[in-house]
Amino acid sequence: MSEIVVRSDSASAAQVTEHLMICDDAFIPPLSHRVNIAEYATKVTRHARCIEGWHHDVLAGLICLYCNNPERGAYITNVSVIPALQGQKIALLLMKNALEQVHGQGVGKVSLEVNNANIAALSLYQKLGFTPEFNTTGTILMTMNL
């Protein structure tokens, strides 16, 4: 794995926007087909916890999750790694870090949604212990009890 430094909530909205633009086509479907990336980046940097993987000065990986009420659980809204560094277990590193952080806050359940065509993401989430709850048109809600 490339040298990755994990930080929390240090990236600016502009840095998150740049990261998500680089990752746009790696999302299934592309993120820009679902949201305005700059607005989404502003929202997550203001309201979500962002677990960041930095490779030198580049935001290489990003997990964003909401944990406004630990009793209700946490919701992961974003998992992304820039294409040039995919396949190096950066998402796994960041997911483990994010899960440890929310578990330390007393969160007992984490959920996320994934497109059912995103085989790599499904495999990662299952490896971590997430299980499918239900399948909607094109997406699967997965949960993990901590």
N, C-alpha and C. Protein backbone atom coordinates (compact mmCIF):
# COMPACT_ATOMS: atom_id res chain seq x y z
N MET A 1 0.85 -1.18 0.00
CA MET A 1 0.00 0.00 0.00
C MET A 1 0.89 1.23 0.00
N SER A 2 0.45 2.24 -0.75
CA SER A 2 1.15 3.51 -0.73
C SER A 2 1.07 4.11 0.65
N GLU A 3 1.99 5.01 0.96
CA GLU A 3 1.98 5.66 2.26
C GLU A 3 0.73 6.52 2.39
N ILE A 4 -0.13 6.15 3.32
CA ILE A 4 -1.38 6.86 3.55
C ILE A 4 -1.40 7.36 4.99
N VAL A 5 -1.71 8.64 5.14
CA VAL A 5 -1.88 9.24 6.45
C VAL A 5 -3.37 9.44 6.65
N VAL A 6 -3.91 8.89 7.74
CA VAL A 6 -5.34 9.01 8.03
C VAL A 6 -5.56 10.23 8.92
N ARG A 7 -6.50 11.06 8.51
CA ARG A 7 -6.90 12.23 9.29
C ARG A 7 -8.42 12.28 9.32
N SER A 8 -8.95 13.05 10.24
CA SER A 8 -10.40 13.24 10.31
C SER A 8 -10.72 14.72 10.20
N ASP A 9 -11.69 15.02 9.36
CA ASP A 9 -12.27 16.36 9.26
C ASP A 9 -11.25 17.47 9.01
N SER A 10 -10.24 17.19 8.23
CA SER A 10 -9.25 18.24 7.95
C SER A 10 -9.36 18.81 6.53
N ALA A 11 -10.03 18.10 5.63
CA ALA A 11 -10.13 18.55 4.24
C ALA A 11 -11.14 19.69 4.11
N SER A 12 -10.83 20.63 3.26
CA SER A 12 -11.77 21.72 2.96
C SER A 12 -12.81 21.23 1.96
N ALA A 13 -13.87 21.99 1.82
CA ALA A 13 -14.89 21.65 0.82
C ALA A 13 -14.28 21.63 -0.58
N ALA A 14 -13.35 22.52 -0.85
CA ALA A 14 -12.70 22.55 -2.17
C ALA A 14 -11.88 21.29 -2.40
N GLN A 15 -11.17 20.83 -1.38
CA GLN A 15 -10.39 19.60 -1.51
C GLN A 15 -11.29 18.38 -1.69
N VAL A 16 -12.40 18.35 -0.97
CA VAL A 16 -13.35 17.23 -1.13
C VAL A 16 -13.98 17.28 -2.51
N THR A 17 -14.32 18.48 -2.98
CA THR A 17 -14.87 18.62 -4.34
C THR A 17 -13.89 18.08 -5.36
N GLU A 18 -12.63 18.47 -5.25
CA GLU A 18 -11.61 18.01 -6.20
C GLU A 18 -11.49 16.49 -6.16
N HIS A 19 -11.44 15.93 -4.96
CA HIS A 19 -11.35 14.47 -4.81
C HIS A 19 -12.54 13.78 -5.48
N LEU A 20 -13.75 14.26 -5.18
CA LEU A 20 -14.95 13.62 -5.74
C LEU A 20 -15.04 13.78 -7.24
N MET A 21 -14.55 14.88 -7.79
CA MET A 21 -14.53 15.06 -9.24
C MET A 21 -13.58 14.04 -9.89
N ILE A 22 -12.43 13.80 -9.25
CA ILE A 22 -11.49 12.80 -9.76
C ILE A 22 -12.11 11.41 -9.70
N CYS A 23 -12.88 11.15 -8.67
CA CYS A 23 -13.50 9.83 -8.46
C CYS A 23 -14.83 9.66 -9.19
N ASP A 24 -15.36 10.71 -9.77
CA ASP A 24 -16.72 10.73 -10.30
C ASP A 24 -17.07 9.49 -11.13
N ASP A 25 -16.25 9.16 -12.10
CA ASP A 25 -16.56 8.03 -12.99
C ASP A 25 -16.40 6.67 -12.32
N ALA A 26 -15.75 6.62 -11.15
CA ALA A 26 -15.59 5.35 -10.44
C ALA A 26 -16.86 4.99 -9.66
N PHE A 27 -17.74 5.97 -9.41
CA PHE A 27 -19.02 5.69 -8.77
C PHE A 27 -19.95 5.02 -9.78
N ILE A 28 -20.81 4.14 -9.30
CA ILE A 28 -21.79 3.48 -10.16
C ILE A 28 -23.17 3.84 -9.64
N PRO A 29 -23.96 4.64 -10.38
CA PRO A 29 -23.60 5.47 -11.53
C PRO A 29 -22.71 6.63 -11.07
N PRO A 30 -22.13 7.37 -12.03
CA PRO A 30 -21.27 8.48 -11.63
C PRO A 30 -21.96 9.41 -10.63
N LEU A 31 -21.19 9.88 -9.68
CA LEU A 31 -21.73 10.73 -8.62
C LEU A 31 -22.40 11.98 -9.19
N SER A 32 -21.83 12.56 -10.23
CA SER A 32 -22.37 13.78 -10.82
C SER A 32 -23.75 13.57 -11.45
N HIS A 33 -24.15 12.32 -11.68
CA HIS A 33 -25.49 12.04 -12.19
C HIS A 33 -26.53 12.09 -11.08
N ARG A 34 -26.06 12.07 -9.83
CA ARG A 34 -26.98 12.02 -8.69
C ARG A 34 -26.99 13.30 -7.87
N VAL A 35 -25.85 14.00 -7.80
CA VAL A 35 -25.74 15.19 -6.97
C VAL A 35 -24.90 16.25 -7.66
N ASN A 36 -25.04 17.48 -7.19
CA ASN A 36 -24.10 18.53 -7.57
C ASN A 36 -22.89 18.32 -6.66
N ILE A 37 -21.75 17.98 -7.23
CA ILE A 37 -20.60 17.57 -6.43
C ILE A 37 -20.12 18.67 -5.49
N ALA A 38 -20.06 19.89 -5.95
CA ALA A 38 -19.59 20.98 -5.08
C ALA A 38 -20.54 21.19 -3.89
N GLU A 39 -21.84 21.13 -4.13
CA GLU A 39 -22.81 21.28 -3.04
C GLU A 39 -22.71 20.11 -2.07
N TYR A 40 -22.57 18.91 -2.60
CA TYR A 40 -22.44 17.71 -1.76
C TYR A 40 -21.18 17.80 -0.90
N ALA A 41 -20.07 18.25 -1.50
CA ALA A 41 -18.82 18.38 -0.75
C ALA A 41 -18.96 19.39 0.39
N THR A 42 -19.64 20.48 0.12
CA THR A 42 -19.87 21.47 1.17
C THR A 42 -20.72 20.87 2.28
N LYS A 43 -21.76 20.13 1.91
CA LYS A 43 -22.64 19.51 2.91
C LYS A 43 -21.88 18.54 3.80
N VAL A 44 -21.09 17.65 3.20
CA VAL A 44 -20.42 16.65 4.03
C VAL A 44 -19.31 17.26 4.88
N THR A 45 -18.61 18.27 4.38
CA THR A 45 -17.57 18.88 5.21
C THR A 45 -18.18 19.66 6.37
N ARG A 46 -19.41 20.11 6.23
CA ARG A 46 -20.06 20.85 7.31
C ARG A 46 -20.77 19.95 8.31
N HIS A 47 -21.38 18.86 7.82
CA HIS A 47 -22.30 18.11 8.67
C HIS A 47 -21.93 16.65 8.93
N ALA A 48 -20.99 16.11 8.20
CA ALA A 48 -20.62 14.70 8.36
C ALA A 48 -19.22 14.60 8.95
N ARG A 49 -18.91 13.43 9.47
CA ARG A 49 -17.53 13.14 9.84
C ARG A 49 -16.85 12.64 8.57
N CYS A 50 -15.70 13.20 8.27
CA CYS A 50 -14.94 12.79 7.10
C CYS A 50 -13.64 12.14 7.55
N ILE A 51 -13.47 10.88 7.18
CA ILE A 51 -12.24 10.14 7.46
C ILE A 51 -11.45 10.16 6.15
N GLU A 52 -10.27 10.76 6.21
CA GLU A 52 -9.51 11.05 5.00
C GLU A 52 -8.22 10.24 4.94
N GLY A 53 -7.90 9.78 3.77
CA GLY A 53 -6.63 9.13 3.53
C GLY A 53 -5.80 10.03 2.62
N TRP A 54 -4.71 10.54 3.14
CA TRP A 54 -3.85 11.47 2.40
C TRP A 54 -2.61 10.75 1.91
N HIS A 55 -2.30 10.91 0.64
CA HIS A 55 -1.07 10.40 0.04
C HIS A 55 -0.27 11.62 -0.36
N HIS A 56 0.73 11.94 0.44
CA HIS A 56 1.47 13.20 0.32
C HIS A 56 0.46 14.33 0.50
N ASP A 57 0.27 15.19 -0.48
CA ASP A 57 -0.68 16.29 -0.35
C ASP A 57 -1.98 16.04 -1.10
N VAL A 58 -2.22 14.79 -1.48
CA VAL A 58 -3.41 14.44 -2.27
C VAL A 58 -4.41 13.70 -1.39
N LEU A 59 -5.66 14.13 -1.44
CA LEU A 59 -6.74 13.42 -0.75
C LEU A 59 -7.05 12.17 -1.57
N ALA A 60 -6.45 11.06 -1.17
CA ALA A 60 -6.53 9.83 -1.95
C ALA A 60 -7.79 9.04 -1.68
N GLY A 61 -8.27 9.07 -0.44
CA GLY A 61 -9.46 8.30 -0.08
C GLY A 61 -10.31 9.08 0.90
N LEU A 62 -11.61 8.79 0.89
CA LEU A 62 -12.53 9.57 1.72
C LEU A 62 -13.73 8.72 2.11
N ILE A 63 -14.00 8.69 3.40
CA ILE A 63 -15.23 8.10 3.94
C ILE A 63 -15.98 9.23 4.63
N CYS A 64 -17.25 9.42 4.29
CA CYS A 64 -18.07 10.43 4.96
C CYS A 64 -19.25 9.72 5.60
N LEU A 65 -19.48 10.04 6.88
CA LEU A 65 -20.59 9.40 7.56
C LEU A 65 -21.28 10.36 8.51
N TYR A 66 -22.55 10.12 8.67
CA TYR A 66 -23.37 10.90 9.59
C TYR A 66 -23.59 10.09 10.84
N CYS A 67 -23.41 10.74 11.97
CA CYS A 67 -23.61 10.09 13.26
C CYS A 67 -24.19 11.12 14.22
N ASN A 68 -25.34 11.65 13.85
CA ASN A 68 -25.96 12.71 14.63
C ASN A 68 -26.60 12.20 15.91
N ASN A 69 -26.99 10.93 15.91
CA ASN A 69 -27.62 10.33 17.07
C ASN A 69 -27.06 8.92 17.24
N PRO A 70 -26.05 8.74 18.10
CA PRO A 70 -25.40 7.43 18.24
C PRO A 70 -26.37 6.29 18.53
N GLU A 71 -27.49 6.57 19.20
CA GLU A 71 -28.46 5.52 19.50
C GLU A 71 -29.15 5.00 18.24
N ARG A 72 -29.29 5.84 17.22
CA ARG A 72 -29.92 5.43 15.97
C ARG A 72 -28.91 4.82 15.01
N GLY A 73 -27.63 4.97 15.28
CA GLY A 73 -26.60 4.43 14.42
C GLY A 73 -25.97 5.48 13.54
N ALA A 74 -25.08 5.03 12.69
CA ALA A 74 -24.37 5.91 11.76
C ALA A 74 -24.73 5.51 10.34
N TYR A 75 -24.63 6.47 9.43
CA TYR A 75 -24.92 6.22 8.02
C TYR A 75 -23.73 6.70 7.19
N ILE A 76 -23.15 5.79 6.43
CA ILE A 76 -22.03 6.13 5.55
C ILE A 76 -22.61 6.61 4.23
N THR A 77 -22.29 7.85 3.88
CA THR A 77 -22.82 8.45 2.67
C THR A 77 -21.82 8.43 1.51
N ASN A 78 -20.53 8.22 1.82
CA ASN A 78 -19.53 8.23 0.76
C ASN A 78 -18.36 7.33 1.13
N VAL A 79 -17.93 6.55 0.14
CA VAL A 79 -16.68 5.79 0.20
C VAL A 79 -16.03 5.98 -1.17
N SER A 80 -14.85 6.59 -1.20
CA SER A 80 -14.20 6.83 -2.49
C SER A 80 -12.69 6.81 -2.36
N VAL A 81 -12.05 6.33 -3.42
CA VAL A 81 -10.59 6.32 -3.54
C VAL A 81 -10.28 6.75 -4.97
N ILE A 82 -9.30 7.64 -5.12
CA ILE A 82 -8.97 8.09 -6.47
C ILE A 82 -8.54 6.89 -7.32
N PRO A 83 -8.92 6.88 -8.59
CA PRO A 83 -8.64 5.72 -9.45
C PRO A 83 -7.17 5.31 -9.49
N ALA A 84 -6.25 6.27 -9.46
CA ALA A 84 -4.83 5.94 -9.54
C ALA A 84 -4.34 5.10 -8.37
N LEU A 85 -5.06 5.12 -7.24
CA LEU A 85 -4.63 4.39 -6.05
C LEU A 85 -5.61 3.29 -5.63
N GLN A 86 -6.59 3.00 -6.49
CA GLN A 86 -7.52 1.91 -6.16
C GLN A 86 -6.79 0.58 -6.18
N GLY A 87 -7.30 -0.37 -5.42
CA GLY A 87 -6.70 -1.70 -5.36
C GLY A 87 -5.57 -1.80 -4.35
N GLN A 88 -5.35 -0.77 -3.56
CA GLN A 88 -4.26 -0.77 -2.58
C GLN A 88 -4.78 -0.83 -1.15
N LYS A 89 -6.02 -1.22 -0.99
CA LYS A 89 -6.66 -1.42 0.32
C LYS A 89 -6.84 -0.13 1.13
N ILE A 90 -6.88 1.00 0.42
CA ILE A 90 -7.09 2.29 1.09
C ILE A 90 -8.51 2.36 1.65
N ALA A 91 -9.49 1.93 0.87
CA ALA A 91 -10.87 1.95 1.35
C ALA A 91 -11.02 1.06 2.59
N LEU A 92 -10.38 -0.09 2.59
CA LEU A 92 -10.42 -0.99 3.74
C LEU A 92 -9.83 -0.31 4.97
N LEU A 93 -8.67 0.32 4.82
CA LEU A 93 -8.03 1.04 5.92
C LEU A 93 -8.94 2.14 6.48
N LEU A 94 -9.53 2.92 5.60
CA LEU A 94 -10.38 4.02 6.03
C LEU A 94 -11.69 3.53 6.65
N MET A 95 -12.26 2.47 6.08
CA MET A 95 -13.49 1.92 6.65
C MET A 95 -13.24 1.39 8.06
N LYS A 96 -12.14 0.67 8.25
CA LYS A 96 -11.83 0.15 9.59
C LYS A 96 -11.66 1.30 10.57
N ASN A 97 -10.99 2.36 10.14
CA ASN A 97 -10.80 3.53 11.00
C ASN A 97 -12.14 4.18 11.33
N ALA A 98 -12.99 4.35 10.34
CA ALA A 98 -14.30 4.97 10.56
C ALA A 98 -15.14 4.13 11.51
N LEU A 99 -15.14 2.81 11.32
CA LEU A 99 -15.92 1.93 12.19
C LEU A 99 -15.41 1.97 13.62
N GLU A 100 -14.09 2.02 13.80
CA GLU A 100 -13.51 2.13 15.15
C GLU A 100 -13.93 3.44 15.81
N GLN A 101 -13.91 4.52 15.03
CA GLN A 101 -14.27 5.82 15.60
C GLN A 101 -15.72 5.86 16.07
N VAL A 102 -16.65 5.37 15.24
CA VAL A 102 -18.05 5.44 15.64
C VAL A 102 -18.36 4.44 16.75
N HIS A 103 -17.70 3.30 16.74
CA HIS A 103 -17.88 2.34 17.83
C HIS A 103 -17.42 2.95 19.15
N GLY A 104 -16.33 3.72 19.10
CA GLY A 104 -15.84 4.40 20.29
C GLY A 104 -16.80 5.44 20.83
N GLN A 105 -17.72 5.91 19.98
CA GLN A 105 -18.74 6.87 20.40
C GLN A 105 -19.99 6.17 20.91
N GLY A 106 -19.97 4.85 20.95
CA GLY A 106 -21.13 4.12 21.43
C GLY A 106 -22.15 3.77 20.36
N VAL A 107 -21.78 3.94 19.11
CA VAL A 107 -22.68 3.58 18.01
C VAL A 107 -22.72 2.07 17.89
N GLY A 108 -23.93 1.51 17.78
CA GLY A 108 -24.06 0.06 17.70
C GLY A 108 -24.36 -0.46 16.32
N LYS A 109 -24.74 0.44 15.39
CA LYS A 109 -25.14 0.00 14.05
C LYS A 109 -24.69 1.02 13.02
N VAL A 110 -24.18 0.52 11.90
CA VAL A 110 -23.77 1.37 10.78
C VAL A 110 -24.47 0.86 9.54
N SER A 111 -24.97 1.78 8.71
CA SER A 111 -25.60 1.37 7.47
C SER A 111 -25.06 2.19 6.30
N LEU A 112 -25.29 1.67 5.11
CA LEU A 112 -24.88 2.33 3.88
C LEU A 112 -25.70 1.76 2.74
N GLU A 113 -25.71 2.46 1.62
CA GLU A 113 -26.34 1.95 0.41
C GLU A 113 -25.28 1.81 -0.66
N VAL A 114 -25.44 0.76 -1.46
CA VAL A 114 -24.49 0.50 -2.54
C VAL A 114 -25.25 0.04 -3.77
N ASN A 115 -24.79 0.47 -4.93
CA ASN A 115 -25.40 0.03 -6.18
C ASN A 115 -25.12 -1.46 -6.35
N ASN A 116 -26.13 -2.22 -6.72
CA ASN A 116 -25.94 -3.67 -6.83
C ASN A 116 -25.01 -4.08 -7.97
N ALA A 117 -24.63 -3.14 -8.83
CA ALA A 117 -23.66 -3.43 -9.89
C ALA A 117 -22.22 -3.17 -9.45
N ASN A 118 -22.04 -2.61 -8.27
CA ASN A 118 -20.71 -2.27 -7.78
C ASN A 118 -20.14 -3.47 -7.01
N ILE A 119 -19.65 -4.43 -7.75
CA ILE A 119 -19.18 -5.69 -7.18
C ILE A 119 -18.01 -5.49 -6.22
N ALA A 120 -17.07 -4.60 -6.55
CA ALA A 120 -15.91 -4.37 -5.68
C ALA A 120 -16.36 -3.81 -4.33
N ALA A 121 -17.28 -2.85 -4.34
CA ALA A 121 -17.76 -2.27 -3.08
C ALA A 121 -18.55 -3.31 -2.28
N LEU A 122 -19.41 -4.06 -2.93
CA LEU A 122 -20.17 -5.11 -2.24
C LEU A 122 -19.23 -6.10 -1.56
N SER A 123 -18.18 -6.48 -2.26
CA SER A 123 -17.21 -7.42 -1.70
C SER A 123 -16.52 -6.83 -0.47
N LEU A 124 -16.11 -5.58 -0.55
CA LEU A 124 -15.46 -4.91 0.58
C LEU A 124 -16.39 -4.87 1.78
N TYR A 125 -17.63 -4.45 1.56
CA TYR A 125 -18.56 -4.30 2.67
C TYR A 125 -18.88 -5.65 3.31
N GLN A 126 -19.03 -6.68 2.49
CA GLN A 126 -19.27 -8.02 3.04
C GLN A 126 -18.06 -8.52 3.82
N LYS A 127 -16.87 -8.24 3.32
CA LYS A 127 -15.64 -8.62 4.01
C LYS A 127 -15.56 -7.98 5.39
N LEU A 128 -16.05 -6.75 5.49
CA LEU A 128 -16.04 -6.03 6.77
C LEU A 128 -17.13 -6.51 7.73
N GLY A 129 -18.12 -7.22 7.21
CA GLY A 129 -19.19 -7.72 8.06
C GLY A 129 -20.55 -7.09 7.84
N PHE A 130 -20.69 -6.25 6.81
CA PHE A 130 -22.00 -5.69 6.48
C PHE A 130 -22.86 -6.79 5.85
N THR A 131 -24.16 -6.74 6.15
CA THR A 131 -25.08 -7.71 5.55
C THR A 131 -26.21 -6.94 4.87
N PRO A 132 -26.73 -7.51 3.79
CA PRO A 132 -27.83 -6.84 3.09
C PRO A 132 -29.10 -6.85 3.92
N GLU A 133 -29.77 -5.70 3.99
CA GLU A 133 -31.05 -5.59 4.69
C GLU A 133 -32.18 -5.72 3.67
N PHE A 134 -32.14 -4.87 2.64
CA PHE A 134 -33.11 -4.99 1.57
C PHE A 134 -32.57 -4.36 0.31
N ASN A 135 -33.19 -4.72 -0.79
CA ASN A 135 -32.76 -4.30 -2.11
C ASN A 135 -33.86 -3.44 -2.72
N THR A 136 -33.51 -2.21 -3.08
CA THR A 136 -34.45 -1.37 -3.82
C THR A 136 -34.01 -1.38 -5.27
N THR A 137 -34.66 -0.65 -6.08
CA THR A 137 -34.33 -0.62 -7.49
C THR A 137 -32.89 -0.16 -7.69
N GLY A 138 -32.01 -1.10 -7.91
CA GLY A 138 -30.62 -0.80 -8.21
C GLY A 138 -29.69 -0.65 -7.03
N THR A 139 -30.22 -0.54 -5.80
CA THR A 139 -29.34 -0.37 -4.65
C THR A 139 -29.66 -1.38 -3.56
N ILE A 140 -28.66 -1.61 -2.73
CA ILE A 140 -28.80 -2.52 -1.61
C ILE A 140 -28.48 -1.74 -0.33
N LEU A 141 -29.37 -1.79 0.64
CA LEU A 141 -29.09 -1.23 1.96
C LEU A 141 -28.37 -2.32 2.75
N MET A 142 -27.19 -1.98 3.26
CA MET A 142 -26.40 -2.93 4.05
C MET A 142 -26.20 -2.37 5.45
N THR A 143 -26.18 -3.24 6.44
CA THR A 143 -25.96 -2.80 7.81
C THR A 143 -24.92 -3.68 8.48
N MET A 144 -24.36 -3.12 9.53
CA MET A 144 -23.39 -3.86 10.35
C MET A 144 -23.65 -3.50 11.79
N ASN A 145 -23.79 -4.51 12.63
CA ASN A 145 -23.89 -4.30 14.06
C ASN A 145 -22.47 -4.34 14.63
N LEU A 146 -22.15 -3.30 15.40
CA LEU A 146 -20.80 -3.20 15.97
C LEU A 146 -20.73 -3.88 17.32
